[in-house]
C-alpha atoms as a PDB file:
ATOM      1  CA  MET A   1      11.566 -14.219   7.066  1.00  0.00           C
ATOM      2  CA  SER A   2       9.773 -13.967   3.765  1.00  0.00           C
ATOM      3  CA  ASP A   3      11.305 -12.666   0.556  1.00  0.00           C
ATOM      4  CA  LEU A   4       8.827  -9.773   0.536  1.00  0.00           C
ATOM      5  CA  TYR A   5       9.861  -8.791   4.070  1.00  0.00           C
ATOM      6  CA  GLU A   6      13.552  -8.878   3.163  1.00  0.00           C
ATOM      7  CA  ARG A   7      12.965  -6.877  -0.014  1.00  0.00           C
ATOM      8  CA  ILE A   8      11.024  -4.178   1.827  1.00  0.00           C
ATOM      9  CA  VAL A   9      13.594  -3.816   4.587  1.00  0.00           C
ATOM     10  CA  SER A  10      16.542  -3.850   2.167  1.00  0.00           C
ATOM     11  CA  GLN A  11      14.981  -1.245  -0.146  1.00  0.00           C
ATOM     12  CA  ARG A  12      14.536   1.256   2.623  1.00  0.00           C
ATOM     13  CA  GLY A  13      15.687   4.689   1.590  1.00  0.00           C
ATOM     14  CA  GLU A  14      16.228   7.762   3.638  1.00  0.00           C
ATOM     15  CA  LEU A  15      13.488   8.971   5.935  1.00  0.00           C
ATOM     16  CA  GLU A  16      13.532  12.243   4.053  1.00  0.00           C
ATOM     17  CA  LYS A  17      11.903  10.473   1.092  1.00  0.00           C
ATOM     18  CA  ILE A  18       8.903   9.690   3.263  1.00  0.00           C
ATOM     19  CA  ILE A  19       8.816  13.186   4.720  1.00  0.00           C
ATOM     20  CA  MET A  20       8.879  14.738   1.249  1.00  0.00           C
ATOM     21  CA  LYS A  21       5.936  12.648   0.025  1.00  0.00           C
ATOM     22  CA  ILE A  22       3.570  13.388   2.921  1.00  0.00           C
ATOM     23  CA  PRO A  23       2.867  16.984   3.937  1.00  0.00           C
ATOM     24  CA  GLY A  24       3.258  17.615   7.670  1.00  0.00           C
ATOM     25  CA  PHE A  25       5.140  14.404   8.310  1.00  0.00           C
ATOM     26  CA  ALA A  26       8.207  15.833  10.086  1.00  0.00           C
ATOM     27  CA  GLY A  27       6.783  14.852  13.479  1.00  0.00           C
ATOM     28  CA  TYR A  28       7.249  11.152  12.782  1.00  0.00           C
ATOM     29  CA  MET A  29      10.589  11.127  14.600  1.00  0.00           C
ATOM     30  CA  ASP A  30       9.084  12.578  17.744  1.00  0.00           C
ATOM     31  CA  ASN A  31       7.900   9.847  20.121  1.00  0.00           C
ATOM     32  CA  LYS A  32       4.829  11.882  21.097  1.00  0.00           C
ATOM     33  CA  ALA A  33       3.783  12.188  17.465  1.00  0.00           C
ATOM     34  CA  ARG A  34       4.190   8.537  16.465  1.00  0.00           C
ATOM     35  CA  ARG A  35       0.524   7.628  16.752  1.00  0.00           C
ATOM     36  CA  ALA A  36      -0.571  10.592  14.651  1.00  0.00           C
ATOM     37  CA  ALA A  37       2.217   9.967  12.151  1.00  0.00           C
ATOM     38  CA  ASP A  38       1.304   6.280  11.859  1.00  0.00           C
ATOM     39  CA  ARG A  39      -2.272   7.272  11.098  1.00  0.00           C
ATOM     40  CA  MET A  40      -1.058   9.984   8.713  1.00  0.00           C
ATOM     41  CA  VAL A  41       0.924   7.487   6.635  1.00  0.00           C
ATOM     42  CA  ARG A  42      -1.992   5.090   6.380  1.00  0.00           C
ATOM     43  CA  ASP A  43      -4.509   7.856   5.645  1.00  0.00           C
ATOM     44  CA  HIS A  44      -2.281   9.281   2.931  1.00  0.00           C
ATOM     45  CA  VAL A  45      -1.707   5.913   1.270  1.00  0.00           C
ATOM     46  CA  ALA A  46      -5.397   4.971   1.614  1.00  0.00           C
ATOM     47  CA  GLY A  47      -6.430   8.207  -0.085  1.00  0.00           C
ATOM     48  CA  GLU A  48      -3.977   7.630  -2.912  1.00  0.00           C
ATOM     49  CA  VAL A  49      -5.131   4.022  -3.340  1.00  0.00           C
ATOM     50  CA  LYS A  50      -8.758   5.210  -3.449  1.00  0.00           C
ATOM     51  CA  ARG A  51      -7.833   7.489  -6.363  1.00  0.00           C
ATOM     52  CA  ARG A  52      -6.223   4.520  -8.133  1.00  0.00           C
ATOM     53  CA  ILE A  53      -9.390   2.472  -7.612  1.00  0.00           C
ATOM     54  CA  THR A  54     -11.356   5.298  -9.234  1.00  0.00           C
ATOM     55  CA  ARG A  55      -8.894   5.222 -12.131  1.00  0.00           C
ATOM     56  CA  LEU A  56      -9.383   1.451 -12.409  1.00  0.00           C
ATOM     57  CA  ASN A  57     -13.147   2.022 -12.607  1.00  0.00           C
ATOM     58  CA  ASP A  58     -12.626   4.518 -15.430  1.00  0.00           C
ATOM     59  CA  ILE A  59     -10.449   2.028 -17.325  1.00  0.00           C
ATOM     60  CA  GLN A  60     -13.088  -0.654 -16.764  1.00  0.00           C
ATOM     61  CA  LYS A  61     -15.768   1.627 -18.250  1.00  0.00           C
ATOM     62  CA  SER A  62     -13.568   2.244 -21.294  1.00  0.00           C
ATOM     63  CA  LEU A  63     -13.188  -1.487 -21.808  1.00  0.00           C
ATOM     64  CA  LEU A  64     -16.936  -2.015 -21.467  1.00  0.00           C
ATOM     65  CA  ASP A  65     -17.608   0.741 -23.986  1.00  0.00           C
ATOM     66  CA  SER A  66     -15.381  -1.050 -26.475  1.00  0.00           C
ATOM     67  CA  GLY A  67     -17.088  -4.420 -25.956  1.00  0.00           C
ATOM     68  CA  GLY A  68     -14.778  -6.006 -23.391  1.00  0.00           C
ATOM     69  CA  LEU A  69     -17.463  -7.663 -21.294  1.00  0.00           C
ATOM     70  CA  SER A  70     -15.550 -10.960 -21.096  1.00  0.00           C
ATOM     71  CA  GLN A  71     -12.892  -9.481 -18.779  1.00  0.00           C
ATOM     72  CA  MET A  72     -15.178  -7.961 -16.177  1.00  0.00           C
ATOM     73  CA  GLY A  73     -14.587 -10.853 -13.780  1.00  0.00           C
ATOM     74  CA  GLU A  74     -10.845 -10.204 -13.789  1.00  0.00           C
ATOM     75  CA  PHE A  75     -11.446  -6.470 -13.347  1.00  0.00           C
ATOM     76  CA  ASN A  76     -13.649  -7.142 -10.348  1.00  0.00           C
ATOM     77  CA  ASP A  77     -11.048  -9.462  -8.789  1.00  0.00           C
ATOM     78  CA  VAL A  78      -8.399  -6.742  -9.087  1.00  0.00           C
ATOM     79  CA  LYS A  79     -10.791  -4.139  -7.714  1.00  0.00           C
ATOM     80  CA  VAL A  80     -11.551  -6.355  -4.703  1.00  0.00           C
ATOM     81  CA  ARG A  81      -7.827  -6.750  -3.925  1.00  0.00           C
ATOM     82  CA  MET A  82      -7.169  -3.034  -4.233  1.00  0.00           C
ATOM     83  CA  GLN A  83     -10.271  -2.226  -2.166  1.00  0.00           C
ATOM     84  CA  LEU A  84      -9.132  -4.683   0.516  1.00  0.00           C
ATOM     85  CA  PHE A  85      -5.761  -2.926   0.705  1.00  0.00           C
ATOM     86  CA  HIS A  86      -7.529   0.435   0.969  1.00  0.00           C
ATOM     87  CA  ASP A  87      -9.952  -0.768   3.638  1.00  0.00           C
ATOM     88  CA  ARG A  88      -7.222  -2.393   5.733  1.00  0.00           C
ATOM     89  CA  LEU A  89      -5.230   0.836   5.641  1.00  0.00           C
ATOM     90  CA  ASN A  90      -8.305   2.833   6.643  1.00  0.00           C
ATOM     91  CA  ALA A  91      -9.458   0.529   9.425  1.00  0.00           C
ATOM     92  CA  ALA A  92      -6.131  -0.336  11.039  1.00  0.00           C
ATOM     93  CA  THR A  93      -5.703   0.579  14.663  1.00  0.00           C
ATOM     94  CA  PRO A  94      -2.976   3.166  15.220  1.00  0.00           C
ATOM     95  CA  GLY A  95       0.204   1.324  16.069  1.00  0.00           C
ATOM     96  CA  TYR A  96       1.188   3.454  19.048  1.00  0.00           C
ATOM     97  CA  SER A  97      -1.965   3.527  21.137  1.00  0.00           C
ATOM     98  CA  GLY A  98      -3.767   1.238  23.526  1.00  0.00           C
ATOM     99  CA  PRO A  99      -1.796  -1.936  24.177  1.00  0.00           C
ATOM    100  CA  MET A 100       0.842  -0.781  21.695  1.00  0.00           C
ATOM    101  CA  ALA A 101       1.668   2.273  23.806  1.00  0.00           C
ATOM    102  CA  GLU A 102       3.744   0.066  26.109  1.00  0.00           C
ATOM    103  CA  ILE A 103       5.927  -1.190  23.280  1.00  0.00           C
ATOM    104  CA  LYS A 104       9.428   0.170  23.484  1.00  0.00           C
ATOM    105  CA  ILE A 105      10.429   0.734  19.900  1.00  0.00           C
ATOM    106  CA  GLY A 106      14.152   1.128  19.467  1.00  0.00           C
ATOM    107  CA  PRO A 107      16.058   2.511  16.503  1.00  0.00           C
ATOM    108  CA  HIS A 108      16.297  -0.908  14.817  1.00  0.00           C
ATOM    109  CA  GLU A 109      12.538  -1.479  15.050  1.00  0.00           C
ATOM    110  CA  MET A 110      11.827   2.080  13.893  1.00  0.00           C
ATOM    111  CA  ASP A 111      14.063   1.500  10.863  1.00  0.00           C
ATOM    112  CA  LYS A 112      11.915  -1.501   9.970  1.00  0.00           C
ATOM    113  CA  LEU A 113       8.699   0.475  10.425  1.00  0.00           C
ATOM    114  CA  TYR A 114      10.052   3.286   8.260  1.00  0.00           C
ATOM    115  CA  ALA A 115      10.972   0.726   5.602  1.00  0.00           C
ATOM    116  CA  PHE A 116       7.432  -0.630   5.587  1.00  0.00           C
ATOM    117  CA  ASP A 117       5.939   2.866   5.505  1.00  0.00           C
ATOM    118  CA  GLU A 118       8.147   3.735   2.558  1.00  0.00           C
ATOM    119  CA  ALA A 119       7.102   0.488   0.837  1.00  0.00           C
ATOM    120  CA  LEU A 120       3.418   1.352   1.304  1.00  0.00           C
ATOM    121  CA  ILE A 121       4.058   4.699  -0.366  1.00  0.00           C
ATOM    122  CA  ARG A 122       5.973   3.016  -3.211  1.00  0.00           C
ATOM    123  CA  TYR A 123       2.991   0.762  -3.899  1.00  0.00           C
ATOM    124  CA  VAL A 124       1.018   3.849  -4.927  1.00  0.00           C
ATOM    125  CA  ASP A 125       3.605   4.583  -7.646  1.00  0.00           C
ATOM    126  CA  GLN A 126       3.607   0.937  -8.689  1.00  0.00           C
ATOM    127  CA  PHE A 127      -0.205   0.998  -8.948  1.00  0.00           C
ATOM    128  CA  ASP A 128       0.131   4.044 -11.216  1.00  0.00           C
ATOM    129  CA  ALA A 129       2.540   2.247 -13.533  1.00  0.00           C
ATOM    130  CA  ALA A 130       0.382  -0.888 -13.647  1.00  0.00           C
ATOM    131  CA  LEU A 131      -2.775   1.144 -14.295  1.00  0.00           C
ATOM    132  CA  THR A 132      -1.050   3.047 -17.101  1.00  0.00           C
ATOM    133  CA  LYS A 133      -0.055  -0.266 -18.678  1.00  0.00           C
ATOM    134  CA  LEU A 134      -3.640  -1.517 -18.315  1.00  0.00           C
ATOM    135  CA  ALA A 135      -5.104   1.667 -19.814  1.00  0.00           C
ATOM    136  CA  GLU A 136      -2.721   1.372 -22.774  1.00  0.00           C
ATOM    137  CA  ALA A 137      -3.706  -2.270 -23.273  1.00  0.00           C
ATOM    138  CA  VAL A 138      -7.391  -1.348 -23.227  1.00  0.00           C
ATOM    139  CA  SER A 139      -7.027   1.578 -25.645  1.00  0.00           C
ATOM    140  CA  SER A 140      -4.833  -0.381 -28.091  1.00  0.00           C
ATOM    141  CA  LYS A 141      -6.873  -3.573 -27.710  1.00  0.00           C
ATOM    142  CA  GLY A 142      -3.681  -5.218 -26.482  1.00  0.00           C
ATOM    143  CA  ASP A 143      -3.072  -7.848 -23.828  1.00  0.00           C
ATOM    144  CA  VAL A 144      -5.545  -6.704 -21.177  1.00  0.00           C
ATOM    145  CA  LYS A 145      -5.449 -10.060 -19.393  1.00  0.00           C
ATOM    146  CA  THR A 146      -1.699  -9.853 -18.723  1.00  0.00           C
ATOM    147  CA  ALA A 147      -1.981  -6.247 -17.529  1.00  0.00           C
ATOM    148  CA  LEU A 148      -4.826  -7.232 -15.194  1.00  0.00           C
ATOM    149  CA  ASN A 149      -2.829 -10.176 -13.846  1.00  0.00           C
ATOM    150  CA  GLU A 150       0.142  -7.904 -13.120  1.00  0.00           C
ATOM    151  CA  LEU A 151      -2.098  -5.418 -11.307  1.00  0.00           C
ATOM    152  CA  SER A 152      -3.749  -8.231  -9.357  1.00  0.00           C
ATOM    153  CA  THR A 153      -0.356  -9.615  -8.304  1.00  0.00           C
ATOM    154  CA  LEU A 154       0.751  -6.148  -7.219  1.00  0.00           C
ATOM    155  CA  ALA A 155      -2.421  -5.628  -5.157  1.00  0.00           C
ATOM    156  CA  ALA A 156      -1.923  -9.016  -3.482  1.00  0.00           C
ATOM    157  CA  GLU A 157       1.688  -8.124  -2.680  1.00  0.00           C
ATOM    158  CA  ALA A 158       0.628  -4.763  -1.219  1.00  0.00           C
ATOM    159  CA  ASN A 159      -1.794  -6.597   1.068  1.00  0.00           C
ATOM    160  CA  ASP A 160       0.967  -9.014   2.070  1.00  0.00           C
ATOM    161  CA  ALA A 161       3.304  -6.104   2.849  1.00  0.00           C
ATOM    162  CA  LEU A 162       0.655  -4.505   5.054  1.00  0.00           C
ATOM    163  CA  ALA A 163       0.183  -7.820   6.859  1.00  0.00           C
ATOM    164  CA  LEU A 164       3.943  -8.047   7.425  1.00  0.00           C
ATOM    165  CA  ARG A 165       3.923  -4.518   8.853  1.00  0.00           C
ATOM    166  CA  ASP A 166       1.111  -5.533  11.203  1.00  0.00           C
ATOM    167  CA  ASP A 167       3.093  -8.650  12.166  1.00  0.00           C
ATOM    168  CA  LEU A 168       6.031  -6.441  13.052  1.00  0.00           C
ATOM    169  CA  PHE A 169       3.840  -4.669  15.620  1.00  0.00           C
ATOM    170  CA  THR A 170       2.488  -7.979  16.869  1.00  0.00           C
ATOM    171  CA  ASN A 171       5.959  -9.394  17.363  1.00  0.00           C
ATOM    172  CA  LEU A 172       7.045  -6.211  19.139  1.00  0.00           C
ATOM    173  CA  SER A 173       4.112  -6.524  21.509  1.00  0.00           C
ATOM    174  CA  LYS A 174       5.211 -10.046  22.446  1.00  0.00           C
ATOM    175  CA  THR A 175       8.525  -8.682  23.704  1.00  0.00           C
ATOM    176  CA  VAL A 176       6.922  -6.289  26.215  1.00  0.00           C
END
């Protein structure tokens, strides 16, 4: 497995951390509520990522106002990666419907799914930290390029984590 996969699974905390971050999430443990809960996680994270994209746009405007036209290409690259993550979260098929409804997900597989869901939620906090660093670099005329690169790397990793989560479902479906 990949290093990212191992890191996500090993950093899994208690399910209560997920439940506390998403209102109405207690039904995730109930088999009948899995499809709705899966959608709820992705909708919540997508909404939070959308707010971070808006924040990125505001930071970009600040940089433009201060004459930072030369870094607009890097800003747009980061925005595309974050938007891709948002769109993939929004458009993903619920994991427990259609062909996936036949998948028998045991406790071990559910632990992995919970770990990935928790990781998706953690990416929102990591986006916040990276955006704060970027905003500080813009306002202090600091190293904007490095802050943009860090945010771009984080957005790419978030997309990779989502792909790994999707692969987990795909591999489960092969065992049915």
